């Protein structure tokens, strides 16, 4: 007989994961870093693409991603102005197939979430 958890909701690992990556910006930042030439990108390059995200929020998002070991921050230079690059850690890289799958799912299904019927439903 299977050992069924008493409360699958409380034991679901998504409860711990979503606070780390499920906010409005984190997966988008990881996606942009992954798509960057050479796998690393400067803050200003991210900011120029994410025009709907404030500088403060982008800074907080990147700091949280660094804290969660998803992104590395490389500071070049010994005095200001510094050059700062962000790249994915191996842990961040390991998350990308799931994010890529979500991007594909969104392309195929997002319209259905807006009350539109999917072609497959007809």
N, C-alpha and C. Protein backbone atom coordinates (compact mmCIF):
# COMPACT_ATOMS: atom_id res chain seq x y z
N UNK A 1 0.84 -1.18 0.00
CA UNK A 1 0.00 0.00 0.00
C UNK A 1 0.89 1.25 0.00
N UNK A 2 0.49 2.25 -0.81
CA UNK A 2 1.26 3.49 -0.90
C UNK A 2 1.21 4.27 0.40
N UNK A 3 2.32 4.91 0.69
CA UNK A 3 2.38 5.79 1.85
C UNK A 3 1.89 7.17 1.39
N UNK A 4 0.64 7.47 1.62
CA UNK A 4 0.03 8.73 1.20
C UNK A 4 0.23 9.76 2.31
N UNK A 5 0.79 10.95 1.95
CA UNK A 5 0.96 11.97 2.97
C UNK A 5 -0.38 12.40 3.55
N UNK A 6 -0.38 12.74 4.82
CA UNK A 6 -1.62 13.18 5.46
C UNK A 6 -2.13 14.48 4.86
N UNK A 7 -1.20 15.37 4.51
CA UNK A 7 -1.59 16.64 3.92
C UNK A 7 -0.66 16.94 2.74
N UNK A 8 -1.05 16.51 1.54
CA UNK A 8 -0.17 16.70 0.39
C UNK A 8 0.13 18.18 0.12
N UNK A 9 -0.79 19.05 0.43
CA UNK A 9 -0.56 20.49 0.25
C UNK A 9 0.63 20.95 1.09
N UNK A 10 0.65 20.58 2.36
CA UNK A 10 1.72 21.02 3.26
C UNK A 10 3.07 20.42 2.88
N UNK A 11 3.07 19.24 2.28
CA UNK A 11 4.31 18.56 1.94
C UNK A 11 4.78 18.82 0.51
N UNK A 12 4.02 19.57 -0.26
CA UNK A 12 4.36 19.83 -1.65
C UNK A 12 5.58 20.77 -1.73
N UNK A 13 6.63 20.38 -2.45
CA UNK A 13 7.82 21.22 -2.55
C UNK A 13 7.56 22.56 -3.24
N UNK A 14 6.47 22.65 -4.00
CA UNK A 14 6.14 23.93 -4.65
C UNK A 14 5.89 25.03 -3.62
N UNK A 15 5.46 24.65 -2.43
CA UNK A 15 5.23 25.65 -1.38
C UNK A 15 6.52 26.38 -1.02
N UNK A 16 7.65 25.68 -1.08
CA UNK A 16 8.93 26.32 -0.79
C UNK A 16 9.53 26.97 -2.04
N UNK A 17 9.22 26.43 -3.22
CA UNK A 17 9.79 26.96 -4.46
C UNK A 17 9.15 28.26 -4.91
N UNK A 18 7.84 28.33 -4.88
CA UNK A 18 7.14 29.50 -5.42
C UNK A 18 7.55 30.83 -4.78
N UNK A 19 7.78 30.90 -3.47
CA UNK A 19 8.24 32.18 -2.92
C UNK A 19 9.62 32.60 -3.46
N UNK A 20 10.40 31.65 -3.95
CA UNK A 20 11.73 31.96 -4.46
C UNK A 20 11.73 32.36 -5.93
N UNK A 21 10.82 31.79 -6.74
CA UNK A 21 10.84 32.08 -8.17
C UNK A 21 9.49 32.51 -8.73
N UNK A 22 8.44 32.47 -7.91
CA UNK A 22 7.09 32.69 -8.42
C UNK A 22 6.60 34.12 -8.39
N UNK A 23 7.48 35.07 -8.14
CA UNK A 23 7.05 36.47 -8.17
C UNK A 23 6.91 36.93 -9.62
N UNK A 24 6.62 38.17 -9.82
CA UNK A 24 6.36 38.71 -11.15
C UNK A 24 7.59 38.75 -12.05
N UNK A 25 8.81 38.84 -11.48
CA UNK A 25 9.98 39.17 -12.28
C UNK A 25 11.06 38.08 -12.37
N UNK A 26 11.19 37.22 -11.40
CA UNK A 26 12.35 36.32 -11.33
C UNK A 26 12.50 35.44 -12.55
N UNK A 27 11.46 34.77 -12.97
CA UNK A 27 11.59 33.88 -14.13
C UNK A 27 11.90 34.66 -15.41
N UNK A 28 11.38 35.87 -15.52
CA UNK A 28 11.69 36.70 -16.67
C UNK A 28 13.16 37.09 -16.68
N UNK A 29 13.71 37.43 -15.52
CA UNK A 29 15.13 37.77 -15.41
C UNK A 29 15.98 36.55 -15.77
N UNK A 30 15.64 35.39 -15.24
CA UNK A 30 16.40 34.18 -15.56
C UNK A 30 16.34 33.89 -17.06
N UNK A 31 15.18 34.07 -17.65
CA UNK A 31 14.99 33.87 -19.09
C UNK A 31 15.90 34.80 -19.89
N UNK A 32 15.96 36.09 -19.52
CA UNK A 32 16.80 37.04 -20.23
C UNK A 32 18.28 36.73 -20.06
N UNK A 33 18.69 36.32 -18.87
CA UNK A 33 20.09 35.96 -18.66
C UNK A 33 20.46 34.77 -19.54
N UNK A 34 19.58 33.79 -19.59
CA UNK A 34 19.83 32.59 -20.40
C UNK A 34 19.96 32.97 -21.88
N UNK A 35 19.15 33.89 -22.35
CA UNK A 35 19.15 34.27 -23.77
C UNK A 35 20.27 35.25 -24.13
N UNK A 36 20.97 35.78 -23.12
CA UNK A 36 22.02 36.77 -23.37
C UNK A 36 23.21 36.14 -24.09
N UNK A 37 23.83 36.93 -24.93
CA UNK A 37 25.02 36.47 -25.64
C UNK A 37 26.12 36.11 -24.64
N UNK A 38 26.65 34.93 -24.77
CA UNK A 38 27.70 34.48 -23.86
C UNK A 38 27.19 34.05 -22.50
N UNK A 39 25.86 34.08 -22.30
CA UNK A 39 25.30 33.62 -21.04
C UNK A 39 25.48 34.58 -19.88
N UNK A 40 25.89 35.80 -20.18
CA UNK A 40 25.99 36.81 -19.11
C UNK A 40 25.51 38.14 -19.64
N UNK A 41 25.01 38.96 -18.72
CA UNK A 41 24.36 40.20 -19.12
C UNK A 41 24.55 41.26 -18.04
N UNK A 42 24.63 42.50 -18.48
CA UNK A 42 24.76 43.62 -17.54
C UNK A 42 23.39 44.09 -17.07
N UNK A 43 23.36 44.70 -15.91
CA UNK A 43 22.12 45.22 -15.34
C UNK A 43 21.41 46.12 -16.34
N UNK A 44 22.14 47.04 -16.95
CA UNK A 44 21.53 48.00 -17.87
C UNK A 44 20.90 47.31 -19.08
N UNK A 45 21.47 46.18 -19.51
CA UNK A 45 20.89 45.44 -20.63
C UNK A 45 19.56 44.80 -20.23
N UNK A 46 19.51 44.27 -19.01
CA UNK A 46 18.25 43.70 -18.52
C UNK A 46 17.21 44.80 -18.40
N UNK A 47 17.62 45.91 -17.79
CA UNK A 47 16.69 47.02 -17.56
C UNK A 47 16.15 47.58 -18.88
N UNK A 48 16.98 47.63 -19.91
CA UNK A 48 16.52 48.18 -21.20
C UNK A 48 15.47 47.28 -21.84
N UNK A 49 15.47 45.99 -21.51
CA UNK A 49 14.48 45.08 -22.06
C UNK A 49 13.23 44.99 -21.17
N UNK A 50 13.42 45.13 -19.88
CA UNK A 50 12.30 45.02 -18.93
C UNK A 50 11.84 46.42 -18.52
N UNK A 51 11.31 47.15 -19.48
CA UNK A 51 10.95 48.55 -19.24
C UNK A 51 9.78 48.72 -18.27
N UNK A 52 9.05 47.64 -18.01
CA UNK A 52 7.93 47.73 -17.07
C UNK A 52 8.33 47.35 -15.64
N UNK A 53 9.62 47.15 -15.42
CA UNK A 53 10.14 46.81 -14.09
C UNK A 53 11.02 47.97 -13.61
N UNK A 54 10.74 48.50 -12.44
CA UNK A 54 11.53 49.62 -11.93
C UNK A 54 12.96 49.18 -11.61
N UNK A 55 13.86 50.14 -11.57
CA UNK A 55 15.26 49.86 -11.24
C UNK A 55 15.35 49.21 -9.85
N UNK A 56 14.59 49.73 -8.90
CA UNK A 56 14.61 49.20 -7.54
C UNK A 56 14.13 47.74 -7.52
N UNK A 57 13.05 47.45 -8.23
CA UNK A 57 12.51 46.09 -8.25
C UNK A 57 13.46 45.13 -8.96
N UNK A 58 14.08 45.59 -10.04
CA UNK A 58 15.03 44.75 -10.76
C UNK A 58 16.24 44.45 -9.86
N UNK A 59 16.71 45.44 -9.15
CA UNK A 59 17.82 45.24 -8.22
C UNK A 59 17.45 44.22 -7.15
N UNK A 60 16.26 44.35 -6.56
CA UNK A 60 15.81 43.41 -5.54
C UNK A 60 15.67 42.00 -6.12
N UNK A 61 15.15 41.90 -7.33
CA UNK A 61 14.96 40.59 -7.97
C UNK A 61 16.30 39.92 -8.22
N UNK A 62 17.26 40.68 -8.75
CA UNK A 62 18.58 40.11 -9.00
C UNK A 62 19.27 39.71 -7.70
N UNK A 63 19.17 40.56 -6.67
CA UNK A 63 19.79 40.23 -5.38
C UNK A 63 19.18 38.96 -4.78
N UNK A 64 17.87 38.81 -4.91
CA UNK A 64 17.20 37.61 -4.41
C UNK A 64 17.63 36.38 -5.20
N UNK A 65 17.79 36.52 -6.51
CA UNK A 65 18.24 35.40 -7.34
C UNK A 65 19.67 35.00 -6.99
N UNK A 66 20.51 35.97 -6.67
CA UNK A 66 21.87 35.69 -6.22
C UNK A 66 21.82 34.97 -4.87
N UNK A 67 21.02 35.50 -3.96
CA UNK A 67 20.83 34.91 -2.63
C UNK A 67 20.36 33.46 -2.71
N UNK A 68 19.49 33.16 -3.68
CA UNK A 68 18.94 31.82 -3.84
C UNK A 68 19.81 30.91 -4.71
N UNK A 69 21.02 31.38 -5.04
CA UNK A 69 22.00 30.60 -5.80
C UNK A 69 21.52 30.26 -7.21
N UNK A 70 20.70 31.12 -7.80
CA UNK A 70 20.24 30.92 -9.17
C UNK A 70 21.08 31.74 -10.15
N UNK A 71 21.68 32.83 -9.65
CA UNK A 71 22.43 33.77 -10.47
C UNK A 71 23.72 34.13 -9.75
N UNK A 72 24.79 34.33 -10.54
CA UNK A 72 26.03 34.86 -9.97
C UNK A 72 26.18 36.31 -10.42
N UNK A 73 26.79 37.09 -9.56
CA UNK A 73 27.05 38.50 -9.83
C UNK A 73 28.56 38.66 -9.89
N UNK A 74 29.05 39.12 -11.03
CA UNK A 74 30.48 39.31 -11.23
C UNK A 74 30.76 40.81 -11.33
N UNK A 75 31.54 41.32 -10.38
CA UNK A 75 31.88 42.75 -10.36
C UNK A 75 33.30 42.90 -10.90
N UNK A 76 33.43 43.72 -11.94
CA UNK A 76 34.74 43.94 -12.56
C UNK A 76 35.15 45.38 -12.31
N UNK A 77 36.38 45.53 -11.83
CA UNK A 77 36.91 46.86 -11.54
C UNK A 77 37.12 47.04 -10.05
N UNK A 78 38.09 47.87 -9.72
CA UNK A 78 38.40 48.10 -8.31
C UNK A 78 37.83 49.41 -7.79
N UNK A 79 37.37 50.27 -8.68
CA UNK A 79 36.74 51.51 -8.25
C UNK A 79 35.63 51.87 -9.23
N UNK A 80 34.70 52.69 -8.76
CA UNK A 80 33.54 53.07 -9.58
C UNK A 80 34.00 53.84 -10.81
N UNK A 81 33.31 53.71 -11.91
CA UNK A 81 32.15 52.86 -12.11
C UNK A 81 32.55 51.40 -12.35
N UNK A 82 31.89 50.51 -11.66
CA UNK A 82 32.13 49.08 -11.80
C UNK A 82 31.36 48.54 -13.00
N UNK A 83 31.85 47.46 -13.54
CA UNK A 83 31.09 46.72 -14.54
C UNK A 83 30.58 45.47 -13.84
N UNK A 84 29.27 45.25 -13.91
CA UNK A 84 28.66 44.11 -13.22
C UNK A 84 27.95 43.24 -14.24
N UNK A 85 28.28 41.96 -14.21
CA UNK A 85 27.63 40.98 -15.07
C UNK A 85 26.87 39.98 -14.23
N UNK A 86 25.76 39.52 -14.75
CA UNK A 86 24.96 38.47 -14.12
C UNK A 86 24.94 37.26 -15.05
N UNK A 87 25.06 36.08 -14.47
CA UNK A 87 24.97 34.83 -15.24
C UNK A 87 24.29 33.79 -14.37
N UNK A 88 23.82 32.73 -15.02
CA UNK A 88 23.15 31.67 -14.29
C UNK A 88 24.16 30.75 -13.62
N UNK A 89 23.84 30.31 -12.43
CA UNK A 89 24.62 29.27 -11.76
C UNK A 89 24.18 27.92 -12.34
N UNK A 90 24.90 26.85 -12.00
CA UNK A 90 24.41 25.53 -12.43
C UNK A 90 22.98 25.25 -11.94
N UNK A 91 22.65 25.70 -10.74
CA UNK A 91 21.30 25.53 -10.23
C UNK A 91 20.30 26.31 -11.08
N UNK A 92 20.65 27.55 -11.43
CA UNK A 92 19.80 28.36 -12.31
C UNK A 92 19.65 27.71 -13.68
N UNK A 93 20.74 27.19 -14.21
CA UNK A 93 20.69 26.48 -15.50
C UNK A 93 19.75 25.29 -15.43
N UNK A 94 19.78 24.58 -14.29
CA UNK A 94 18.94 23.38 -14.17
C UNK A 94 17.45 23.73 -14.12
N UNK A 95 17.12 24.96 -13.81
CA UNK A 95 15.73 25.42 -13.78
C UNK A 95 15.22 25.81 -15.17
N UNK A 96 16.12 26.10 -16.09
CA UNK A 96 15.73 26.63 -17.40
C UNK A 96 14.85 25.71 -18.23
N UNK A 97 15.04 24.39 -18.23
CA UNK A 97 14.10 23.56 -19.00
C UNK A 97 12.65 23.73 -18.52
N UNK A 98 12.46 23.89 -17.23
CA UNK A 98 11.10 24.11 -16.71
C UNK A 98 10.57 25.47 -17.14
N UNK A 99 11.41 26.50 -17.11
CA UNK A 99 10.98 27.83 -17.54
C UNK A 99 10.70 27.83 -19.04
N UNK A 100 11.57 27.18 -19.82
CA UNK A 100 11.34 27.09 -21.26
C UNK A 100 10.03 26.38 -21.55
N UNK A 101 9.73 25.34 -20.78
CA UNK A 101 8.45 24.62 -20.96
C UNK A 101 7.27 25.53 -20.63
N UNK A 102 7.40 26.36 -19.60
CA UNK A 102 6.34 27.31 -19.26
C UNK A 102 6.15 28.35 -20.37
N UNK A 103 7.25 28.79 -20.97
CA UNK A 103 7.16 29.76 -22.07
C UNK A 103 6.39 29.14 -23.24
N UNK A 104 6.73 27.90 -23.59
CA UNK A 104 6.03 27.22 -24.67
C UNK A 104 4.55 27.01 -24.33
N UNK A 105 4.29 26.61 -23.10
CA UNK A 105 2.91 26.42 -22.66
C UNK A 105 2.13 27.72 -22.78
N UNK A 106 2.77 28.82 -22.35
CA UNK A 106 2.10 30.13 -22.41
C UNK A 106 1.79 30.52 -23.85
N UNK A 107 2.73 30.28 -24.76
CA UNK A 107 2.49 30.59 -26.17
C UNK A 107 1.28 29.82 -26.69
N UNK A 108 1.15 28.59 -26.29
CA UNK A 108 0.07 27.73 -26.78
C UNK A 108 -1.26 27.93 -26.06
N UNK A 109 -1.23 28.35 -24.81
CA UNK A 109 -2.44 28.28 -23.99
C UNK A 109 -2.89 29.56 -23.31
N UNK A 110 -2.09 30.59 -23.33
CA UNK A 110 -2.42 31.79 -22.57
C UNK A 110 -3.75 32.39 -23.00
N UNK A 111 -4.05 32.33 -24.29
CA UNK A 111 -5.34 32.86 -24.76
C UNK A 111 -6.52 32.19 -24.11
N UNK A 112 -6.41 30.91 -23.83
CA UNK A 112 -7.49 30.17 -23.18
C UNK A 112 -7.74 30.61 -21.75
N UNK A 113 -6.75 31.25 -21.15
CA UNK A 113 -6.92 31.74 -19.78
C UNK A 113 -7.64 33.07 -19.74
N UNK A 114 -7.78 33.69 -20.91
CA UNK A 114 -8.48 34.97 -21.01
C UNK A 114 -9.94 34.78 -21.41
N UNK A 115 -10.43 33.54 -21.28
CA UNK A 115 -11.81 33.27 -21.62
C UNK A 115 -12.01 32.88 -23.07
N UNK A 116 -10.93 32.87 -23.85
CA UNK A 116 -11.04 32.45 -25.25
C UNK A 116 -10.97 30.93 -25.30
N UNK A 117 -11.64 30.35 -26.28
CA UNK A 117 -11.57 28.89 -26.40
C UNK A 117 -10.35 28.52 -27.20
N UNK A 118 -9.73 27.43 -26.83
CA UNK A 118 -8.55 26.91 -27.53
C UNK A 118 -8.98 26.20 -28.78
N UNK A 119 -8.13 26.18 -29.80
CA UNK A 119 -8.42 25.48 -31.05
C UNK A 119 -8.64 23.99 -30.77
N UNK A 120 -7.91 23.45 -29.80
CA UNK A 120 -8.03 22.03 -29.47
C UNK A 120 -9.38 21.69 -28.88
N UNK A 121 -10.07 22.67 -28.30
CA UNK A 121 -11.35 22.41 -27.66
C UNK A 121 -12.49 22.31 -28.69
N UNK A 122 -12.28 22.83 -29.89
CA UNK A 122 -13.33 22.83 -30.92
C UNK A 122 -13.47 21.50 -31.61
